Protein backbone atom coordinates (compact mmCIF):
# COMPACT_ATOMS: atom_id res chain seq x y z
CA ASP A 1 116.92 -57.01 3.40
CA GLY A 2 115.95 -55.65 6.77
CA ASP A 3 119.40 -56.46 8.25
CA PRO A 4 122.07 -53.86 7.16
CA ALA A 5 124.92 -56.48 7.23
CA VAL A 6 122.98 -58.95 5.12
CA ALA A 7 121.91 -56.15 2.74
CA SER A 8 125.62 -55.17 2.28
CA ARG A 9 126.68 -58.77 1.52
CA LEU A 10 123.79 -59.18 -0.95
CA ALA A 11 124.72 -55.98 -2.75
CA THR A 12 128.43 -57.01 -3.05
CA ALA A 13 127.49 -60.51 -4.25
CA PHE A 14 125.22 -58.98 -6.88
CA GLY A 15 128.03 -56.70 -8.03
CA ARG A 16 130.36 -59.64 -8.48
CA GLU A 17 127.91 -61.89 -10.26
CA PHE A 18 126.43 -59.26 -12.60
CA PRO A 19 129.57 -58.97 -14.87
CA LYS A 20 129.60 -62.77 -15.24
CA TYR A 21 125.95 -62.75 -16.15
CA ARG A 22 126.50 -59.99 -18.73
CA HIS A 23 129.49 -61.95 -20.20
CA GLN A 24 127.32 -65.01 -20.60
CA LEU A 25 124.69 -63.01 -22.41
CA ASN A 26 127.21 -61.33 -24.67
CA THR A 27 128.98 -64.61 -25.66
CA ALA A 28 125.89 -66.79 -25.96
CA SER A 29 125.58 -66.32 -29.75
CA LEU A 30 129.29 -66.97 -30.35
CA ARG A 31 129.17 -70.08 -28.18
CA ARG A 32 126.21 -71.45 -30.10
CA ALA A 33 127.97 -70.84 -33.43
CA ARG A 34 131.16 -72.53 -32.25
CA ASN A 35 129.24 -75.54 -30.95
CA ASP A 36 127.52 -75.83 -34.32
CA VAL A 37 130.86 -75.80 -36.25
CA GLU A 38 132.42 -78.35 -33.90
CA ALA A 39 129.40 -80.64 -34.41
CA ARG A 40 129.87 -80.45 -38.18
CA ILE A 41 133.59 -81.31 -37.82
CA ARG A 42 132.72 -84.37 -35.72
CA GLU A 43 130.18 -85.48 -38.30
CA LEU A 44 132.75 -85.10 -41.07
CA GLN A 45 135.38 -87.13 -39.14
CA ALA A 46 132.86 -89.91 -38.48
CA SER A 47 131.71 -90.10 -42.05
CA THR A 48 133.09 -92.94 -44.30
CA ASP A 49 132.59 -90.71 -47.33
CA ARG A 50 135.69 -88.53 -47.08
CA ARG A 51 135.16 -85.02 -48.28
CA SER A 52 137.68 -82.52 -49.48
CA PRO A 53 140.47 -81.84 -46.94
CA GLN A 54 140.04 -78.21 -47.81
CA TYR A 55 136.44 -78.23 -46.46
CA ALA A 56 137.57 -79.80 -43.19
CA ARG A 57 140.37 -77.27 -42.81
CA THR A 58 137.90 -74.46 -43.32
CA LEU A 59 135.64 -75.75 -40.53
CA ILE A 60 138.58 -76.10 -38.15
CA ASP A 61 139.70 -72.52 -38.87
CA LYS A 62 136.16 -71.24 -38.34
CA ALA A 63 135.92 -73.00 -34.96
CA GLU A 64 139.26 -71.49 -33.85
CA GLN A 65 138.14 -68.04 -34.95
CA LEU A 66 134.88 -68.31 -32.99
CA ARG A 67 136.75 -69.53 -29.92
CA THR A 68 139.04 -66.51 -30.17
CA PHE A 69 136.11 -64.10 -30.49
CA GLU A 70 134.42 -65.73 -27.49
CA ALA A 71 137.61 -65.31 -25.39
CA LEU A 72 137.97 -61.67 -26.40
CA GLU A 73 134.29 -60.76 -25.78
CA GLY A 74 134.12 -59.31 -22.30
CA SER A 75 131.62 -57.43 -20.10
CA ASN A 76 131.51 -53.66 -19.77
CA ALA A 77 130.36 -54.03 -16.19
CA PHE A 78 132.69 -54.66 -13.24
CA LEU A 79 132.65 -54.37 -9.44
CA LEU A 80 133.93 -50.91 -8.47
CA ARG A 81 133.99 -51.54 -4.73
CA ALA A 82 132.35 -53.81 -2.19
CA ALA A 83 129.34 -52.50 -0.24
CA THR A 84 130.53 -51.37 3.19
CA GLY A 85 127.29 -50.11 4.67
CA ALA A 86 123.46 -49.99 4.19
CA VAL A 87 120.96 -47.23 4.69
CA LYS A 88 117.22 -47.85 5.18
CA ILE A 89 115.18 -46.40 2.32
CA GLN A 90 111.83 -48.18 2.73
CA PRO A 91 109.51 -47.96 4.50
CA ARG A 92 109.50 -44.32 5.68
CA PRO A 93 106.54 -44.10 8.03
CA LEU A 94 106.72 -40.38 8.71
CA ARG A 95 106.92 -39.46 5.08
CA SER A 96 104.25 -41.95 4.10
CA ALA A 97 101.98 -40.69 6.91
CA ALA A 98 102.50 -37.07 5.83
CA LEU A 99 101.80 -37.86 2.19
CA GLY A 100 98.77 -39.94 3.12
CA LEU A 101 97.42 -37.14 5.30
CA ILE A 102 97.86 -34.58 2.53
CA LEU A 103 96.38 -36.77 -0.16
CA GLY A 104 93.56 -37.85 2.14
CA ALA A 105 92.76 -34.24 2.95
CA PHE A 106 92.63 -33.24 -0.71
CA LEU A 107 90.58 -36.32 -1.60
CA GLY A 108 88.17 -35.72 1.27
CA LEU A 109 87.80 -32.05 0.32
CA GLY A 110 87.17 -32.98 -3.31
CA LEU A 111 84.52 -35.57 -2.35
CA ALA A 112 82.89 -33.09 0.04
CA LEU A 113 82.73 -30.47 -2.73
CA LEU A 114 81.35 -33.00 -5.14
CA TRP A 115 78.71 -34.13 -2.64
CA GLU A 116 77.77 -30.49 -1.96
CA VAL A 117 77.28 -29.91 -5.66
CA LEU A 118 75.27 -33.09 -6.29
CA ASP A 119 73.24 -33.05 -3.07
CA THR A 120 70.36 -30.62 -3.56
CA ARG A 121 68.39 -31.59 -0.42
CA VAL A 122 67.26 -28.88 1.97
CA ARG A 123 68.36 -29.59 5.52
CA SER A 124 66.39 -27.17 7.69
CA ALA A 125 63.68 -24.54 7.83
CA GLU A 126 66.39 -21.95 8.43
CA GLU A 127 67.89 -22.78 5.02
CA ILE A 128 64.45 -22.34 3.42
CA GLY A 129 64.04 -19.00 5.12
CA ASP A 130 67.47 -17.80 3.96
CA ARG A 131 66.85 -18.83 0.38
CA LEU A 132 63.26 -17.46 0.15
CA LYS A 133 64.08 -14.42 2.37
CA LEU A 134 60.86 -15.08 4.29
CA PRO A 135 60.15 -15.63 7.98
CA LEU A 136 59.04 -19.02 9.29
CA LEU A 137 55.45 -18.78 10.52
CA ALA A 138 54.92 -22.34 11.72
CA ARG A 139 56.08 -25.93 11.62
CA VAL A 140 53.13 -28.19 10.94
CA PRO A 141 53.41 -31.92 11.77
CA GLU A 142 51.96 -34.72 9.70
CA PRO A 143 48.28 -35.39 10.42
CA PRO A 144 47.39 -38.68 12.07
CA ARG A 145 47.24 -41.51 9.53
CA GLN A 146 43.61 -42.31 10.25
CA LEU A 147 42.51 -38.72 9.64
CA ALA A 148 44.66 -38.53 6.50
CA ARG A 149 43.07 -41.69 5.10
CA GLN A 150 39.63 -40.29 5.76
CA ASN A 151 40.48 -36.82 4.40
CA ARG A 152 39.51 -35.22 7.67
CA LEU A 153 40.98 -32.05 9.18
CA VAL A 154 42.72 -32.17 12.53
CA MET A 155 41.27 -28.80 13.55
CA VAL A 156 37.77 -30.26 13.22
CA ALA A 157 38.26 -33.90 14.20
CA ASP A 158 40.80 -33.45 17.05
CA PRO A 159 41.18 -29.74 17.89
CA ARG A 160 42.87 -30.39 21.23
CA SER A 161 45.79 -32.40 19.79
CA SER A 162 49.37 -31.21 19.40
CA GLN A 163 48.87 -31.16 15.60
CA ALA A 164 45.98 -28.76 16.00
CA GLU A 165 48.11 -26.56 18.27
CA ALA A 166 50.55 -26.04 15.42
CA PHE A 167 47.75 -24.44 13.33
CA ARG A 168 46.83 -22.21 16.24
CA MET A 169 50.46 -21.10 16.30
CA LEU A 170 50.26 -20.44 12.57
CA ARG A 171 47.06 -18.41 13.07
CA THR A 172 48.69 -16.33 15.82
CA ASN A 173 51.85 -15.64 13.84
CA LEU A 174 49.89 -14.83 10.70
CA GLU A 175 47.90 -12.24 12.62
CA PHE A 176 51.09 -10.68 13.97
CA VAL A 177 52.88 -10.42 10.58
CA ASN A 178 49.62 -9.08 9.07
CA LEU A 179 49.21 -6.31 11.65
CA GLU A 180 50.72 -3.54 9.54
CA ARG A 181 49.98 -5.01 6.12
CA GLU A 182 46.25 -5.53 6.90
CA ALA A 183 45.96 -8.02 4.05
CA ARG A 184 42.44 -9.38 3.67
CA THR A 185 42.89 -11.61 0.61
CA ILE A 186 45.68 -14.11 1.23
CA MET A 187 46.83 -16.74 -1.27
CA ILE A 188 48.64 -19.90 -0.25
CA THR A 189 50.87 -21.72 -2.68
CA SER A 190 53.92 -24.09 -2.81
CA ALA A 191 56.78 -24.95 -5.08
CA VAL A 192 55.32 -28.24 -6.38
CA GLU A 193 52.45 -30.57 -5.55
CA ARG A 194 52.24 -32.85 -2.51
CA GLU A 195 53.64 -30.33 -0.06
CA GLY A 196 50.41 -30.05 1.96
CA LYS A 197 49.18 -26.59 0.95
CA SER A 198 45.48 -27.57 0.72
CA THR A 199 45.56 -29.32 4.10
CA THR A 200 47.39 -26.39 5.64
CA ILE A 201 45.01 -23.70 4.35
CA ALA A 202 41.94 -25.71 5.31
CA ASN A 203 43.10 -26.18 8.86
CA LEU A 204 44.22 -22.54 9.03
CA ALA A 205 40.76 -21.42 7.90
CA VAL A 206 39.15 -23.46 10.67
CA ALA A 207 41.60 -22.12 13.25
CA LEU A 208 40.89 -18.52 12.21
CA ALA A 209 37.15 -19.15 12.37
CA LYS A 210 37.49 -20.70 15.80
CA GLY A 211 39.44 -17.59 16.83
CA GLY A 212 36.50 -15.31 15.98
CA ARG A 213 37.23 -14.38 12.41
CA ARG A 214 34.78 -14.38 9.53
CA VAL A 215 36.66 -16.47 6.89
CA VAL A 216 35.90 -17.39 3.31
CA LEU A 217 37.99 -20.24 1.96
CA VAL A 218 38.26 -20.31 -1.85
CA ASP A 219 39.52 -23.25 -3.95
CA LEU A 220 41.35 -21.73 -6.94
CA ASP A 221 43.59 -24.70 -7.56
CA LEU A 222 41.75 -25.42 -10.80
CA ARG A 223 44.26 -28.07 -11.74
CA ARG A 224 43.69 -30.39 -8.74
CA PRO A 225 40.93 -28.98 -6.50
CA PHE A 226 40.59 -30.75 -3.15
CA LEU A 227 38.89 -28.49 -0.62
CA ASP A 228 35.48 -29.86 -1.48
CA VAL A 229 36.65 -33.31 -0.28
CA PHE A 230 37.74 -31.93 3.10
CA PHE A 231 34.38 -30.30 3.75
CA GLY A 232 32.06 -32.79 2.02
CA LEU A 233 31.04 -30.44 -0.79
CA GLN A 234 31.43 -32.74 -3.76
CA GLY A 235 28.87 -32.00 -6.47
CA ARG A 236 28.00 -28.49 -5.25
CA PRO A 237 28.30 -25.51 -7.59
CA GLY A 238 31.45 -23.45 -7.19
CA LEU A 239 33.41 -20.44 -8.27
CA THR A 240 33.47 -21.21 -11.98
CA ASP A 241 29.67 -21.64 -11.90
CA VAL A 242 29.43 -18.14 -10.42
CA ALA A 243 31.76 -16.79 -13.10
CA LEU A 244 29.60 -18.32 -15.79
CA GLY A 245 26.44 -16.86 -14.27
CA ARG A 246 24.87 -20.25 -13.53
CA VAL A 247 24.37 -19.56 -9.82
CA SER A 248 24.74 -16.57 -7.58
CA LEU A 249 27.67 -16.11 -5.26
CA GLU A 250 25.43 -16.52 -2.27
CA ASP A 251 24.19 -19.90 -3.47
CA ALA A 252 27.69 -21.17 -4.29
CA ILE A 253 29.18 -20.33 -0.93
CA ALA A 254 28.73 -23.14 1.60
CA PRO A 255 28.62 -22.35 5.35
CA ILE A 256 30.64 -24.90 7.31
CA SER A 257 30.04 -26.34 10.73
CA ILE A 258 33.35 -26.38 12.63
CA ALA A 259 32.01 -27.92 15.85
CA GLU A 260 34.62 -30.03 17.70
CA GLY A 261 34.66 -33.71 16.87
CA GLY A 262 32.55 -33.36 13.73
CA ARG A 263 33.29 -33.48 10.01
CA GLY A 264 32.97 -30.20 8.17
CA GLY A 265 29.90 -29.94 6.07
CA ALA A 266 27.37 -27.51 4.67
CA ARG A 267 24.43 -26.47 6.87
CA ASN A 268 21.42 -24.28 6.22
CA GLY A 269 22.38 -20.80 7.23
CA HIS A 270 25.68 -19.64 8.63
CA VAL A 271 27.15 -21.75 11.40
CA SER A 272 29.54 -20.11 13.78
CA THR A 273 31.81 -21.18 16.65
CA MET A 274 32.33 -18.44 19.22
CA ASP A 275 32.02 -15.34 17.02
CA GLY A 276 33.67 -16.73 13.91
CA VAL A 277 32.20 -18.00 10.66
CA LEU A 278 33.74 -20.27 8.07
CA GLU A 279 32.41 -20.40 4.51
CA VAL A 280 33.88 -22.37 1.64
CA LEU A 281 33.66 -21.59 -2.10
CA PRO A 282 34.55 -24.76 -4.04
CA SER A 283 36.23 -24.61 -7.39
CA GLY A 284 33.28 -25.81 -9.50
CA PRO A 285 33.81 -27.32 -12.96
CA ILE A 286 37.38 -26.98 -14.17
CA PRO A 287 37.68 -24.59 -17.18
CA PRO A 288 39.52 -25.62 -20.38
CA ASP A 289 42.35 -23.14 -19.65
CA PRO A 290 42.67 -22.33 -15.96
CA GLY A 291 45.64 -20.03 -16.61
CA ASP A 292 43.51 -17.70 -18.77
CA PHE A 293 40.67 -17.80 -16.21
CA MET A 294 42.99 -16.46 -13.52
CA GLY A 295 43.35 -13.19 -15.42
CA THR A 296 39.67 -12.59 -16.18
CA ARG A 297 37.82 -9.53 -14.99
CA ARG A 298 35.01 -11.71 -13.69
CA LEU A 299 37.31 -13.49 -11.24
CA GLN A 300 38.59 -10.15 -9.97
CA ASP A 301 35.05 -9.01 -9.33
CA ILE A 302 34.25 -12.23 -7.41
CA LEU A 303 37.32 -11.85 -5.23
CA ALA A 304 36.42 -8.23 -4.54
CA LEU A 305 32.91 -9.30 -3.41
CA LEU A 306 34.40 -11.94 -1.15
CA GLY A 307 36.76 -9.35 0.36
CA GLU A 308 33.76 -7.24 1.33
CA ARG A 309 31.96 -10.27 2.74
CA ALA A 310 34.61 -11.58 5.16
CA ASP A 311 37.44 -10.48 7.40
CA LEU A 312 39.83 -12.80 5.58
CA VAL A 313 39.69 -14.54 2.22
CA LEU A 314 42.04 -17.50 1.99
CA ILE A 315 42.75 -18.78 -1.52
CA ASP A 316 44.18 -22.19 -2.31
CA ALA A 317 46.28 -21.61 -5.41
CA PRO A 318 48.25 -24.05 -7.67
CA PRO A 319 51.97 -24.61 -7.16
CA LEU A 320 54.31 -21.95 -8.48
CA LEU A 321 56.71 -24.02 -10.54
CA HIS A 322 54.52 -26.15 -12.77
CA VAL A 323 52.00 -23.62 -14.08
CA GLY A 324 51.64 -19.85 -14.16
CA ASP A 325 48.24 -19.76 -12.46
CA ALA A 326 49.54 -18.72 -9.06
CA LEU A 327 51.73 -16.00 -10.54
CA ALA A 328 48.75 -14.55 -12.43
CA LEU A 329 46.53 -14.80 -9.37
CA SER A 330 49.07 -13.04 -7.16
CA ALA A 331 48.21 -9.78 -8.96
CA HIS A 332 44.67 -9.91 -7.48
CA VAL A 333 45.47 -10.75 -3.85
CA ASP A 334 46.91 -8.67 -0.97
CA ALA A 335 49.45 -11.20 0.32
CA LEU A 336 50.65 -14.75 -0.02
CA LEU A 337 52.03 -17.64 2.03
CA VAL A 338 54.37 -20.36 0.85
CA VAL A 339 54.12 -23.95 2.02
CA THR A 340 57.27 -26.12 1.90
CA ARG A 341 58.09 -29.72 2.79
CA LEU A 342 61.70 -30.67 3.46
CA SER A 343 61.31 -34.15 1.97
CA VAL A 344 60.00 -32.68 -1.32
CA VAL A 345 61.62 -29.35 -1.94
CA ARG A 346 65.16 -29.02 -3.38
CA THR A 347 67.56 -26.11 -3.54
CA PRO A 348 67.07 -25.42 -7.29
CA MET A 349 63.29 -25.29 -6.63
CA LEU A 350 63.81 -22.74 -3.86
CA ALA A 351 65.94 -20.58 -6.12
CA GLU A 352 63.21 -20.58 -8.82
CA VAL A 353 60.50 -19.93 -6.22
CA GLN A 354 62.47 -17.00 -4.81
CA ARG A 355 62.83 -15.56 -8.34
CA LEU A 356 59.12 -15.88 -8.94
CA LEU A 357 58.28 -14.32 -5.60
CA ASP A 358 60.41 -11.34 -6.45
CA SER A 359 58.24 -10.74 -9.46
CA CYS A 360 54.97 -10.89 -7.45
CA ALA A 361 53.42 -7.63 -6.42
CA ALA A 362 51.60 -9.13 -3.45
CA SER A 363 53.12 -8.91 0.01
CA LYS A 364 55.00 -12.06 1.15
CA LEU A 365 53.96 -12.89 4.71
CA GLY A 366 56.17 -15.92 5.29
CA PHE A 367 56.39 -19.66 4.81
CA VAL A 368 55.08 -22.76 6.59
CA GLU A 369 57.10 -25.95 6.96
CA THR A 370 54.96 -29.05 6.71
CA GLY A 371 55.58 -32.72 7.41
CA THR A 372 57.59 -32.23 10.60
CA GLU A 373 57.73 -35.01 13.17
CA GLN A 374 54.83 -35.13 15.59
CA GLY A 375 55.64 -33.47 18.90
CA ALA A 376 58.94 -32.10 17.60
CA ALA A 377 57.63 -29.03 15.78
CA TYR A 378 57.50 -26.90 18.92
CA GLY A 379 58.36 -29.35 21.63
CA TYR A 380 54.89 -29.37 23.18
CA GLY A 381 54.56 -33.09 23.74
CA SER A 382 52.21 -33.43 26.74
CA TYR A 383 52.99 -29.94 28.14
CA TYR A 384 49.36 -28.86 28.17
CA HIS A 385 46.42 -30.79 29.54
CA PRO A 386 44.15 -31.91 26.66
CA THR A 387 41.07 -30.53 28.38
CA GLU A 388 42.54 -27.10 29.06
CA ARG A 389 42.15 -24.13 26.74
CA GLN A 390 45.05 -23.92 24.36
CA PRO A 391 47.42 -20.93 24.59
CA GLU A 392 46.88 -18.46 21.75
CA SER A 393 49.54 -15.82 22.31
CA GLU A 394 52.86 -17.62 21.87
CA LEU A 395 55.06 -16.79 18.90
CA VAL A 396 57.11 -19.17 16.82
CA ALA A 397 60.70 -19.36 18.03
């Protein structure tokens, strides 16, 4: 009870009643046996058929004996003393709060550790950089939905937009990290598919050409080639046709118009914007074993000819984790870029990519984060006027 006086009276009353209760339990069997014997005696006395007096005497003696045993049977419990005071034992708020705090802390820590182990998502570009040990070259936002549905490049269709500015930043940073390396053949790859590597390299090639570079863009993703769709080159001969000797390299390379507002496409002769030139070499028919094709001498010779032809050769390679094509191709290029998307890549993927990059002889220039929110990649928003010339000299923070 919550009242100390009432609790003391209850405890004393319990102490007094408990011995009686124990005595009733202990004598219950004797009392039932005595009642049964007395019932038989009454039946015998009421019967007209008189039985032996000896039987009746035996029953009477048995009843007396049971009554004696019942009287002698006592309880081994007795009241030692009456309760004179009461001390509160429950609840104990301070102790309960302390125990709850300690148990809650341990439970929260355990759940946090479990979540950390099970959650393999990548939270930021900085985490990607730490795991891959590469610098961040650019954050590229999602292309507008209409351009994505039409498979058009933002650097061609809307070169004054904030999305296009991200590729100019990528171009500038790529030129800075490549100052000392002087890589001319650069491969771009990713961990897995659907991270935006083909879109990134196509827009980067246009940005470099608009900046005055002579660029050759090569589609060596022989598993899922897509550059021909961006530039409207479906059905044209490609790199594998050159390797088989069906067409010459000059006939397979398609010069691309990169005029603002237009859709990339082949033209007769080389088309330039400012002083730059963009040429695209599609993949051509897919060979039976693309992995073996990556290590052929003929492919090395073609890449060497392309390196002599242009300032930069950009190669769209397959993802690193699913097939070994990119790893084999990395032996024939000067440098490589890695494209990552936060919504796709996971920490085990990054660990495996980092292991594969360590085994590549080519120089690692950095990585590009794709799929960032529009306007949030660099905080441009409406900072610049859409009709003004875009800044070219800023570095990625």
